[in-house]
Amino acid sequence: MSLDVARLSPTLFWDVAQESVDWDRHRIWLVERVLARGKWEDWLLVSREISASKLRELEPRLRLQPRERNFLLNWIDREDAN
């Protein structure tokens, strides 16, 4: 199963057509976008679709600000502890 991009906040797609974004093809871009500009509800949708171990694997490839990277690493650590 993959994330239904239509459930994410439309404001995340200010520069692209939301319907043209595919979770499987644009996963890294979407994670970056949600971490940088998304609402809490957007993050919860994304984090349900991608495991902490997969996020840890993707983390080095993500272009994130320090605050966003810090959040992500703390989230991963918290999920790994549960």
PDB file of N, CA and C in Angstrom:
ATOM      1  N   MET A   1       0.843  -1.183   0.000  1.00  0.00           N
ATOM      2  CA  MET A   1       0.000   0.000   0.000  1.00  0.00           C
ATOM      3  C   MET A   1       0.884   1.239   0.000  1.00  0.00           C
ATOM      4  N   SER A   2       0.420   2.277  -0.614  1.00  0.00           N
ATOM      5  CA  SER A   2       1.208   3.508  -0.622  1.00  0.00           C
ATOM      6  C   SER A   2       0.347   4.681  -0.159  1.00  0.00           C
ATOM      7  N   LEU A   3       1.014   5.721   0.222  1.00  0.00           N
ATOM      8  CA  LEU A   3       0.352   6.911   0.733  1.00  0.00           C
ATOM      9  C   LEU A   3      -0.517   7.561  -0.338  1.00  0.00           C
ATOM     10  N   ASP A   4      -1.726   7.909   0.034  1.00  0.00           N
ATOM     11  CA  ASP A   4      -2.623   8.649  -0.843  1.00  0.00           C
ATOM     12  C   ASP A   4      -2.238  10.128  -0.729  1.00  0.00           C
ATOM     13  N   VAL A   5      -1.503  10.625  -1.682  1.00  0.00           N
ATOM     14  CA  VAL A   5      -0.984  11.989  -1.667  1.00  0.00           C
ATOM     15  C   VAL A   5      -2.113  13.010  -1.561  1.00  0.00           C
ATOM     16  N   ALA A   6      -3.289  12.672  -2.030  1.00  0.00           N
ATOM     17  CA  ALA A   6      -4.426  13.590  -1.956  1.00  0.00           C
ATOM     18  C   ALA A   6      -4.830  13.890  -0.510  1.00  0.00           C
ATOM     19  N   ARG A   7      -4.427  13.052   0.433  1.00  0.00           N
ATOM     20  CA  ARG A   7      -4.756  13.276   1.850  1.00  0.00           C
ATOM     21  C   ARG A   7      -3.824  14.285   2.513  1.00  0.00           C
ATOM     22  N   LEU A   8      -2.713  14.618   1.865  1.00  0.00           N
ATOM     23  CA  LEU A   8      -1.778  15.601   2.421  1.00  0.00           C
ATOM     24  C   LEU A   8      -2.297  17.017   2.187  1.00  0.00           C
ATOM     25  N   SER A   9      -1.825  17.938   2.992  1.00  0.00           N
ATOM     26  CA  SER A   9      -2.252  19.337   2.882  1.00  0.00           C
ATOM     27  C   SER A   9      -1.951  19.891   1.486  1.00  0.00           C
ATOM     28  N   PRO A  10      -2.930  20.506   0.859  1.00  0.00           N
ATOM     29  CA  PRO A  10      -2.710  21.082  -0.473  1.00  0.00           C
ATOM     30  C   PRO A  10      -1.611  22.143  -0.486  1.00  0.00           C
ATOM     31  N   THR A  11      -1.388  22.806   0.640  1.00  0.00           N
ATOM     32  CA  THR A  11      -0.361  23.849   0.692  1.00  0.00           C
ATOM     33  C   THR A  11       1.045  23.295   0.487  1.00  0.00           C
ATOM     34  N   LEU A  12       1.230  21.993   0.634  1.00  0.00           N
ATOM     35  CA  LEU A  12       2.538  21.388   0.379  1.00  0.00           C
ATOM     36  C   LEU A  12       2.882  21.421  -1.114  1.00  0.00           C
ATOM     37  N   PHE A  13       1.876  21.595  -1.926  1.00  0.00           N
ATOM     38  CA  PHE A  13       2.051  21.481  -3.371  1.00  0.00           C
ATOM     39  C   PHE A  13       1.853  22.828  -4.058  1.00  0.00           C
ATOM     40  N   TRP A  14       2.394  23.851  -3.466  1.00  0.00           N
ATOM     41  CA  TRP A  14       2.251  25.206  -3.994  1.00  0.00           C
ATOM     42  C   TRP A  14       2.933  25.365  -5.344  1.00  0.00           C
ATOM     43  N   ASP A  15       3.905  24.511  -5.645  1.00  0.00           N
ATOM     44  CA  ASP A  15       4.689  24.680  -6.875  1.00  0.00           C
ATOM     45  C   ASP A  15       4.497  23.559  -7.889  1.00  0.00           C
ATOM     46  N   VAL A  16       3.718  22.549  -7.530  1.00  0.00           N
ATOM     47  CA  VAL A  16       3.466  21.423  -8.432  1.00  0.00           C
ATOM     48  C   VAL A  16       1.997  21.018  -8.313  1.00  0.00           C
ATOM     49  N   ALA A  17       1.510  20.319  -9.317  1.00  0.00           N
ATOM     50  CA  ALA A  17       0.142  19.793  -9.255  1.00  0.00           C
ATOM     51  C   ALA A  17       0.128  18.573  -8.330  1.00  0.00           C
ATOM     52  N   GLN A  18      -0.671  18.640  -7.284  1.00  0.00           N
ATOM     53  CA  GLN A  18      -0.717  17.570  -6.289  1.00  0.00           C
ATOM     54  C   GLN A  18      -1.003  16.216  -6.935  1.00  0.00           C
ATOM     55  N   GLU A  19      -1.878  16.203  -7.909  1.00  0.00           N
ATOM     56  CA  GLU A  19      -2.237  14.939  -8.551  1.00  0.00           C
ATOM     57  C   GLU A  19      -1.101  14.342  -9.384  1.00  0.00           C
ATOM     58  N   SER A  20      -0.071  15.121  -9.674  1.00  0.00           N
ATOM     59  CA  SER A  20       1.059  14.597 -10.440  1.00  0.00           C
ATOM     60  C   SER A  20       2.128  13.957  -9.560  1.00  0.00           C
ATOM     61  N   VAL A  21       1.972  14.070  -8.251  1.00  0.00           N
ATOM     62  CA  VAL A  21       2.969  13.537  -7.319  1.00  0.00           C
ATOM     63  C   VAL A  21       2.610  12.099  -6.961  1.00  0.00           C
ATOM     64  N   ASP A  22       3.583  11.224  -7.078  1.00  0.00           N
ATOM     65  CA  ASP A  22       3.406   9.806  -6.794  1.00  0.00           C
ATOM     66  C   ASP A  22       4.293   9.429  -5.604  1.00  0.00           C
ATOM     67  N   TRP A  23       3.696   8.826  -4.577  1.00  0.00           N
ATOM     68  CA  TRP A  23       4.434   8.474  -3.361  1.00  0.00           C
ATOM     69  C   TRP A  23       5.648   7.602  -3.674  1.00  0.00           C
ATOM     70  N   ASP A  24       5.489   6.608  -4.505  1.00  0.00           N
ATOM     71  CA  ASP A  24       6.591   5.692  -4.787  1.00  0.00           C
ATOM     72  C   ASP A  24       7.735   6.369  -5.548  1.00  0.00           C
ATOM     73  N   ARG A  25       7.411   7.223  -6.483  1.00  0.00           N
ATOM     74  CA  ARG A  25       8.444   7.896  -7.284  1.00  0.00           C
ATOM     75  C   ARG A  25       9.043   9.114  -6.592  1.00  0.00           C
ATOM     76  N   HIS A  26       8.264   9.790  -5.754  1.00  0.00           N
ATOM     77  CA  HIS A  26       8.689  11.060  -5.161  1.00  0.00           C
ATOM     78  C   HIS A  26       8.838  11.001  -3.642  1.00  0.00           C
ATOM     79  N   ARG A  27       9.063   9.818  -3.110  1.00  0.00           N
ATOM     80  CA  ARG A  27       9.106   9.597  -1.664  1.00  0.00           C
ATOM     81  C   ARG A  27      10.095  10.528  -0.952  1.00  0.00           C
ATOM     82  N   ILE A  28      11.312  10.618  -1.438  1.00  0.00           N
ATOM     83  CA  ILE A  28      12.315  11.467  -0.776  1.00  0.00           C
ATOM     84  C   ILE A  28      11.868  12.919  -0.797  1.00  0.00           C
ATOM     85  N   TRP A  29      11.423  13.396  -1.934  1.00  0.00           N
ATOM     86  CA  TRP A  29      10.954  14.777  -2.054  1.00  0.00           C
ATOM     87  C   TRP A  29       9.786  15.041  -1.099  1.00  0.00           C
ATOM     88  N   LEU A  30       8.861  14.085  -1.017  1.00  0.00           N
ATOM     89  CA  LEU A  30       7.704  14.268  -0.140  1.00  0.00           C
ATOM     90  C   LEU A  30       8.095  14.300   1.329  1.00  0.00           C
ATOM     91  N   VAL A  31       8.990  13.421   1.743  1.00  0.00           N
ATOM     92  CA  VAL A  31       9.445  13.434   3.140  1.00  0.00           C
ATOM     93  C   VAL A  31      10.117  14.768   3.438  1.00  0.00           C
ATOM     94  N   GLU A  32      10.972  15.230   2.546  1.00  0.00           N
ATOM     95  CA  GLU A  32      11.622  16.540   2.735  1.00  0.00           C
ATOM     96  C   GLU A  32      10.574  17.646   2.843  1.00  0.00           C
ATOM     97  N   ARG A  33       9.613  17.631   1.959  1.00  0.00           N
ATOM     98  CA  ARG A  33       8.590  18.682   1.916  1.00  0.00           C
ATOM     99  C   ARG A  33       7.736  18.670   3.175  1.00  0.00           C
ATOM    100  N   VAL A  34       7.330  17.495   3.607  1.00  0.00           N
ATOM    101  CA  VAL A  34       6.496  17.405   4.811  1.00  0.00           C
ATOM    102  C   VAL A  34       7.287  17.851   6.037  1.00  0.00           C
ATOM    103  N   LEU A  35       8.538  17.454   6.143  1.00  0.00           N
ATOM    104  CA  LEU A  35       9.342  17.884   7.287  1.00  0.00           C
ATOM    105  C   LEU A  35       9.571  19.397   7.279  1.00  0.00           C
ATOM    106  N   ALA A  36       9.728  19.964   6.111  1.00  0.00           N
ATOM    107  CA  ALA A  36      10.018  21.395   6.018  1.00  0.00           C
ATOM    108  C   ALA A  36       8.769  22.270   6.114  1.00  0.00           C
ATOM    109  N   ARG A  37       7.659  21.824   5.530  1.00  0.00           N
ATOM    110  CA  ARG A  37       6.502  22.703   5.389  1.00  0.00           C
ATOM    111  C   ARG A  37       5.173  22.093   5.828  1.00  0.00           C
ATOM    112  N   GLY A  38       5.198  20.837   6.220  1.00  0.00           N
ATOM    113  CA  GLY A  38       3.951  20.146   6.509  1.00  0.00           C
ATOM    114  C   GLY A  38       3.370  20.415   7.879  1.00  0.00           C
ATOM    115  N   LYS A  39       2.124  20.023   8.009  1.00  0.00           N
ATOM    116  CA  LYS A  39       1.427  20.066   9.292  1.00  0.00           C
ATOM    117  C   LYS A  39       1.697  18.754  10.030  1.00  0.00           C
ATOM    118  N   TRP A  40       1.402  18.758  11.307  1.00  0.00           N
ATOM    119  CA  TRP A  40       1.581  17.559  12.116  1.00  0.00           C
ATOM    120  C   TRP A  40       0.809  16.378  11.507  1.00  0.00           C
ATOM    121  N   GLU A  41      -0.388  16.627  11.029  1.00  0.00           N
ATOM    122  CA  GLU A  41      -1.210  15.572  10.433  1.00  0.00           C
ATOM    123  C   GLU A  41      -0.534  14.987   9.185  1.00  0.00           C
ATOM    124  N   ASP A  42       0.151  15.835   8.418  1.00  0.00           N
ATOM    125  CA  ASP A  42       0.884  15.355   7.244  1.00  0.00           C
ATOM    126  C   ASP A  42       1.997  14.406   7.672  1.00  0.00           C
ATOM    127  N   TRP A  43       2.725  14.800   8.713  1.00  0.00           N
ATOM    128  CA  TRP A  43       3.818  13.957   9.196  1.00  0.00           C
ATOM    129  C   TRP A  43       3.274  12.615   9.686  1.00  0.00           C
ATOM    130  N   LEU A  44       2.155  12.631  10.395  1.00  0.00           N
ATOM    131  CA  LEU A  44       1.586  11.376  10.891  1.00  0.00           C
ATOM    132  C   LEU A  44       1.211  10.454   9.738  1.00  0.00           C
ATOM    133  N   LEU A  45       0.663  11.005   8.670  1.00  0.00           N
ATOM    134  CA  LEU A  45       0.344  10.186   7.490  1.00  0.00           C
ATOM    135  C   LEU A  45       1.613   9.581   6.886  1.00  0.00           C
ATOM    136  N   VAL A  46       2.637  10.393   6.723  1.00  0.00           N
ATOM    137  CA  VAL A  46       3.897   9.916   6.131  1.00  0.00           C
ATOM    138  C   VAL A  46       4.547   8.876   7.031  1.00  0.00           C
ATOM    139  N   SER A  47       4.591   9.156   8.324  1.00  0.00           N
ATOM    140  CA  SER A  47       5.290   8.247   9.236  1.00  0.00           C
ATOM    141  C   SER A  47       4.563   6.906   9.400  1.00  0.00           C
ATOM    142  N   ARG A  48       3.292   6.855   9.059  1.00  0.00           N
ATOM    143  CA  ARG A  48       2.574   5.571   9.063  1.00  0.00           C
ATOM    144  C   ARG A  48       2.929   4.729   7.848  1.00  0.00           C
ATOM    145  N   GLU A  49       3.357   5.384   6.795  1.00  0.00           N
ATOM    146  CA  GLU A  49       3.665   4.684   5.546  1.00  0.00           C
ATOM    147  C   GLU A  49       5.115   4.239   5.435  1.00  0.00           C
ATOM    148  N   ILE A  50       5.984   4.854   6.198  1.00  0.00           N
ATOM    149  CA  ILE A  50       7.405   4.557   6.062  1.00  0.00           C
ATOM    150  C   ILE A  50       7.975   4.274   7.454  1.00  0.00           C
ATOM    151  N   SER A  51       8.597   3.130   7.588  1.00  0.00           N
ATOM    152  CA  SER A  51       9.080   2.682   8.893  1.00  0.00           C
ATOM    153  C   SER A  51      10.276   3.514   9.363  1.00  0.00           C
ATOM    154  N   ALA A  52      10.521   3.443  10.649  1.00  0.00           N
ATOM    155  CA  ALA A  52      11.671   4.144  11.225  1.00  0.00           C
ATOM    156  C   ALA A  52      12.971   3.636  10.605  1.00  0.00           C
ATOM    157  N   SER A  53      13.058   2.341  10.357  1.00  0.00           N
ATOM    158  CA  SER A  53      14.290   1.803   9.763  1.00  0.00           C
ATOM    159  C   SER A  53      14.483   2.324   8.336  1.00  0.00           C
ATOM    160  N   LYS A  54      13.400   2.452   7.584  1.00  0.00           N
ATOM    161  CA  LYS A  54      13.501   3.002   6.228  1.00  0.00           C
ATOM    162  C   LYS A  54      13.840   4.497   6.276  1.00  0.00           C
ATOM    163  N   LEU A  55      13.253   5.209   7.237  1.00  0.00           N
ATOM    164  CA  LEU A  55      13.602   6.624   7.407  1.00  0.00           C
ATOM    165  C   LEU A  55      15.079   6.778   7.750  1.00  0.00           C
ATOM    166  N   ARG A  56      15.599   5.898   8.600  1.00  0.00           N
ATOM    167  CA  ARG A  56      17.018   5.956   8.950  1.00  0.00           C
ATOM    168  C   ARG A  56      17.883   5.721   7.715  1.00  0.00           C
ATOM    169  N   GLU A  57      17.446   4.828   6.864  1.00  0.00           N
ATOM    170  CA  GLU A  57      18.165   4.539   5.622  1.00  0.00           C
ATOM    171  C   GLU A  57      18.138   5.744   4.668  1.00  0.00           C
ATOM    172  N   LEU A  58      16.994   6.421   4.602  1.00  0.00           N
ATOM    173  CA  LEU A  58      16.845   7.570   3.708  1.00  0.00           C
ATOM    174  C   LEU A  58      17.490   8.844   4.248  1.00  0.00           C
ATOM    175  N   GLU A  59      17.618   8.959   5.558  1.00  0.00           N
ATOM    176  CA  GLU A  59      18.050  10.200   6.209  1.00  0.00           C
ATOM    177  C   GLU A  59      19.287  10.847   5.595  1.00  0.00           C
ATOM    178  N   PRO A  60      20.353  10.105   5.302  1.00  0.00           N
ATOM    179  CA  PRO A  60      21.528  10.773   4.715  1.00  0.00           C
ATOM    180  C   PRO A  60      21.273  11.411   3.349  1.00  0.00           C
ATOM    181  N   ARG A  61      20.263  10.923   2.640  1.00  0.00           N
ATOM    182  CA  ARG A  61      19.960  11.445   1.300  1.00  0.00           C
ATOM    183  C   ARG A  61      19.013  12.642   1.323  1.00  0.00           C
ATOM    184  N   LEU A  62      18.425  12.919   2.476  1.00  0.00           N
ATOM    185  CA  LEU A  62      17.455  14.002   2.581  1.00  0.00           C
ATOM    186  C   LEU A  62      18.141  15.347   2.725  1.00  0.00           C
ATOM    187  N   ARG A  63      17.646  16.328   2.002  1.00  0.00           N
ATOM    188  CA  ARG A  63      18.140  17.704   2.125  1.00  0.00           C
ATOM    189  C   ARG A  63      17.272  18.417   3.156  1.00  0.00           C
ATOM    190  N   LEU A  64      17.799  18.501   4.371  1.00  0.00           N
ATOM    191  CA  LEU A  64      17.029  19.057   5.470  1.00  0.00           C
ATOM    192  C   LEU A  64      17.821  20.134   6.198  1.00  0.00           C
ATOM    193  N   GLN A  65      17.101  21.059   6.789  1.00  0.00           N
ATOM    194  CA  GLN A  65      17.689  22.027   7.692  1.00  0.00           C
ATOM    195  C   GLN A  65      18.019  21.298   9.000  1.00  0.00           C
ATOM    196  N   PRO A  66      18.951  21.826   9.795  1.00  0.00           N
ATOM    197  CA  PRO A  66      19.320  21.149  11.046  1.00  0.00           C
ATOM    198  C   PRO A  66      18.134  20.847  11.957  1.00  0.00           C
ATOM    199  N   ARG A  67      17.200  21.777  12.069  1.00  0.00           N
ATOM    200  CA  ARG A  67      16.028  21.569  12.921  1.00  0.00           C
ATOM    201  C   ARG A  67      15.192  20.382  12.435  1.00  0.00           C
ATOM    202  N   GLU A  68      15.006  20.288  11.128  1.00  0.00           N
ATOM    203  CA  GLU A  68      14.221  19.205  10.543  1.00  0.00           C
ATOM    204  C   GLU A  68      14.931  17.866  10.725  1.00  0.00           C
ATOM    205  N   ARG A  69      16.244  17.847  10.502  1.00  0.00           N
ATOM    206  CA  ARG A  69      17.030  16.623  10.668  1.00  0.00           C
ATOM    207  C   ARG A  69      16.991  16.170  12.129  1.00  0.00           C
ATOM    208  N   ASN A  70      17.096  17.123  13.037  1.00  0.00           N
ATOM    209  CA  ASN A  70      17.036  16.813  14.466  1.00  0.00           C
ATOM    210  C   ASN A  70      15.707  16.161  14.819  1.00  0.00           C
ATOM    211  N   PHE A  71      14.618  16.749  14.331  1.00  0.00           N
ATOM    212  CA  PHE A  71      13.293  16.179  14.568  1.00  0.00           C
ATOM    213  C   PHE A  71      13.236  14.753  14.042  1.00  0.00           C
ATOM    214  N   LEU A  72      13.687  14.550  12.803  1.00  0.00           N
ATOM    215  CA  LEU A  72      13.626  13.241  12.178  1.00  0.00           C
ATOM    216  C   LEU A  72      14.430  12.209  12.975  1.00  0.00           C
ATOM    217  N   LEU A  73      15.637  12.557  13.351  1.00  0.00           N
ATOM    218  CA  LEU A  73      16.469  11.612  14.097  1.00  0.00           C
ATOM    219  C   LEU A  73      15.868  11.295  15.461  1.00  0.00           C
ATOM    220  N   ASN A  74      15.290  12.280  16.112  1.00  0.00           N
ATOM    221  CA  ASN A  74      14.620  12.022  17.386  1.00  0.00           C
ATOM    222  C   ASN A  74      13.396  11.131  17.188  1.00  0.00           C
ATOM    223  N   TRP A  75      12.659  11.364  16.121  1.00  0.00           N
ATOM    224  CA  TRP A  75      11.487  10.534  15.809  1.00  0.00           C
ATOM    225  C   TRP A  75      11.919   9.087  15.580  1.00  0.00           C
ATOM    226  N   ILE A  76      12.959   8.909  14.794  1.00  0.00           N
ATOM    227  CA  ILE A  76      13.468   7.559  14.502  1.00  0.00           C
ATOM    228  C   ILE A  76      13.891   6.869  15.800  1.00  0.00           C
ATOM    229  N   ASP A  77      14.651   7.559  16.636  1.00  0.00           N
ATOM    230  CA  ASP A  77      15.102   6.983  17.906  1.00  0.00           C
ATOM    231  C   ASP A  77      13.914   6.601  18.786  1.00  0.00           C
ATOM    232  N   ARG A  78      12.913   7.448  18.825  1.00  0.00           N
ATOM    233  CA  ARG A  78      11.717   7.170  19.635  1.00  0.00           C
ATOM    234  C   ARG A  78      10.982   5.935  19.106  1.00  0.00           C
ATOM    235  N   GLU A  79      10.856   5.849  17.792  1.00  0.00           N
ATOM    236  CA  GLU A  79      10.167   4.708  17.190  1.00  0.00           C
ATOM    237  C   GLU A  79      10.966   3.428  17.404  1.00  0.00           C
ATOM    238  N   ASP A  80      12.286   3.505  17.315  1.00  0.00           N
ATOM    239  CA  ASP A  80      13.127   2.323  17.536  1.00  0.00           C
ATOM    240  C   ASP A  80      13.017   1.842  18.975  1.00  0.00           C
ATOM    241  N   ALA A  81      12.816   2.747  19.905  1.00  0.00           N
ATOM    242  CA  ALA A  81      12.718   2.389  21.323  1.00  0.00           C
ATOM    243  C   ALA A  81      11.391   1.695  21.648  1.00  0.00           C
ATOM    244  N   ASN A  82      10.374   1.940  20.820  1.00  0.00           N
ATOM    245  CA  ASN A  82       9.052   1.324  21.081  1.00  0.00           C
ATOM    246  C   ASN A  82       8.930  -0.033  20.508  1.00  0.00           C
TER     247      ASN A  82
END
